[in-house]
Structure formats: C-alpha cells, structure tokens
Amino acid sequence: MSVHDINFRDKEYTMRFWLWFLYTNPDFDFSTQLDIPNAKSIDTPEIILIV
C-alpha cells in the first residue's frame, strides 16, 4: 500500500502491504506465526477472516 520513511544512509524504509491467503488449516494463526525475514519490527497484523 505504501513505502515511506526512506533512509538511504541506513538502508531502511517502512512498508505497509496486504497479504491474501487461501488455506484450510483452522489451527494456523497468522498473528503469531507470520514472519518477515530481516524485518526490524512487525506491527500486529489485522486479520480479516472470510468464511
């Protein structure tokens, strides 16, 4: 959705984006099992479940 806070000196930026998944495992919890490699921090994801 957006890329901002671009810092060329430290090679850092902030990114906001949507992920869409189709899956059938009801035990999978995206809020605790989602990982973004090399991310300094990850905000708690907003999960929208459509049944």
C-alpha atoms as a PDB file:
ATOM      1  CA  MET A   1       0.000   0.000   0.000  1.00  0.00           C
ATOM      2  CA  SER A   2       2.862   2.379   0.768  1.00  0.00           C
ATOM      3  CA  VAL A   3       6.603   2.776   1.184  1.00  0.00           C
ATOM      4  CA  HIS A   4       7.736   5.695   3.330  1.00  0.00           C
ATOM      5  CA  ASP A   5      10.372   6.821   5.857  1.00  0.00           C
ATOM      6  CA  ILE A   6      13.048   6.006   3.292  1.00  0.00           C
ATOM      7  CA  ASN A   7      16.529   6.378   4.778  1.00  0.00           C
ATOM      8  CA  PHE A   8      19.234   5.897   2.128  1.00  0.00           C
ATOM      9  CA  ARG A   9      22.107   6.317   4.591  1.00  0.00           C
ATOM     10  CA  ASP A  10      20.979   3.438   6.850  1.00  0.00           C
ATOM     11  CA  LYS A  11      19.309   1.492   4.015  1.00  0.00           C
ATOM     12  CA  GLU A  12      15.971   1.402   5.851  1.00  0.00           C
ATOM     13  CA  TYR A  13      12.352   2.071   4.979  1.00  0.00           C
ATOM     14  CA  THR A  14       8.836   1.420   6.234  1.00  0.00           C
ATOM     15  CA  MET A  15       6.377  -0.583   4.159  1.00  0.00           C
ATOM     16  CA  ARG A  16       2.677  -1.293   4.570  1.00  0.00           C
ATOM     17  CA  PHE A  17       1.061  -4.005   2.478  1.00  0.00           C
ATOM     18  CA  TRP A  18      -1.778  -6.506   2.229  1.00  0.00           C
ATOM     19  CA  LEU A  19      -1.352 -10.290   2.073  1.00  0.00           C
ATOM     20  CA  TRP A  20      -4.101 -12.579   0.830  1.00  0.00           C
ATOM     21  CA  PHE A  21      -4.037 -16.257   1.727  1.00  0.00           C
ATOM     22  CA  LEU A  22      -6.253 -19.193   0.908  1.00  0.00           C
ATOM     23  CA  TYR A  23      -5.772 -22.015   3.363  1.00  0.00           C
ATOM     24  CA  THR A  24      -7.704 -24.816   5.016  1.00  0.00           C
ATOM     25  CA  ASN A  25      -5.882 -25.275   8.342  1.00  0.00           C
ATOM     26  CA  PRO A  26      -8.023 -23.629  11.061  1.00  0.00           C
ATOM     27  CA  ASP A  27      -5.197 -24.056  13.612  1.00  0.00           C
ATOM     28  CA  PHE A  28      -2.852 -21.727  11.703  1.00  0.00           C
ATOM     29  CA  ASP A  29      -2.688 -18.347  13.467  1.00  0.00           C
ATOM     30  CA  PHE A  30      -1.220 -15.606  11.257  1.00  0.00           C
ATOM     31  CA  SER A  31      -0.908 -13.141  14.130  1.00  0.00           C
ATOM     32  CA  THR A  32       1.703 -15.344  15.853  1.00  0.00           C
ATOM     33  CA  GLN A  33       3.147 -17.440  13.019  1.00  0.00           C
ATOM     34  CA  LEU A  34       3.786 -14.831  10.317  1.00  0.00           C
ATOM     35  CA  ASP A  35       7.440 -13.822   9.942  1.00  0.00           C
ATOM     36  CA  ILE A  36       9.025 -11.262   7.626  1.00  0.00           C
ATOM     37  CA  PRO A  37      12.763 -12.074   7.232  1.00  0.00           C
ATOM     38  CA  ASN A  38      15.157  -9.201   8.020  1.00  0.00           C
ATOM     39  CA  ALA A  39      12.358  -7.016   9.409  1.00  0.00           C
ATOM     40  CA  LYS A  40      13.382  -4.820  12.339  1.00  0.00           C
ATOM     41  CA  SER A  41       9.826  -4.810  13.651  1.00  0.00           C
ATOM     42  CA  ILE A  42       6.383  -6.037  12.634  1.00  0.00           C
ATOM     43  CA  ASP A  43       3.136  -4.471  13.825  1.00  0.00           C
ATOM     44  CA  THR A  44       0.442  -6.850  14.983  1.00  0.00           C
ATOM     45  CA  PRO A  45      -1.389  -7.852  11.809  1.00  0.00           C
ATOM     46  CA  GLU A  46      -5.062  -7.128  11.353  1.00  0.00           C
ATOM     47  CA  ILE A  47      -6.663 -10.446  10.443  1.00  0.00           C
ATOM     48  CA  ILE A  48      -9.839 -10.387   8.341  1.00  0.00           C
ATOM     49  CA  LEU A  49     -11.370 -13.835   8.108  1.00  0.00           C
ATOM     50  CA  ILE A  50     -13.966 -14.511   5.438  1.00  0.00           C
ATOM     51  CA  VAL A  51     -15.754 -17.798   5.846  1.00  0.00           C
END
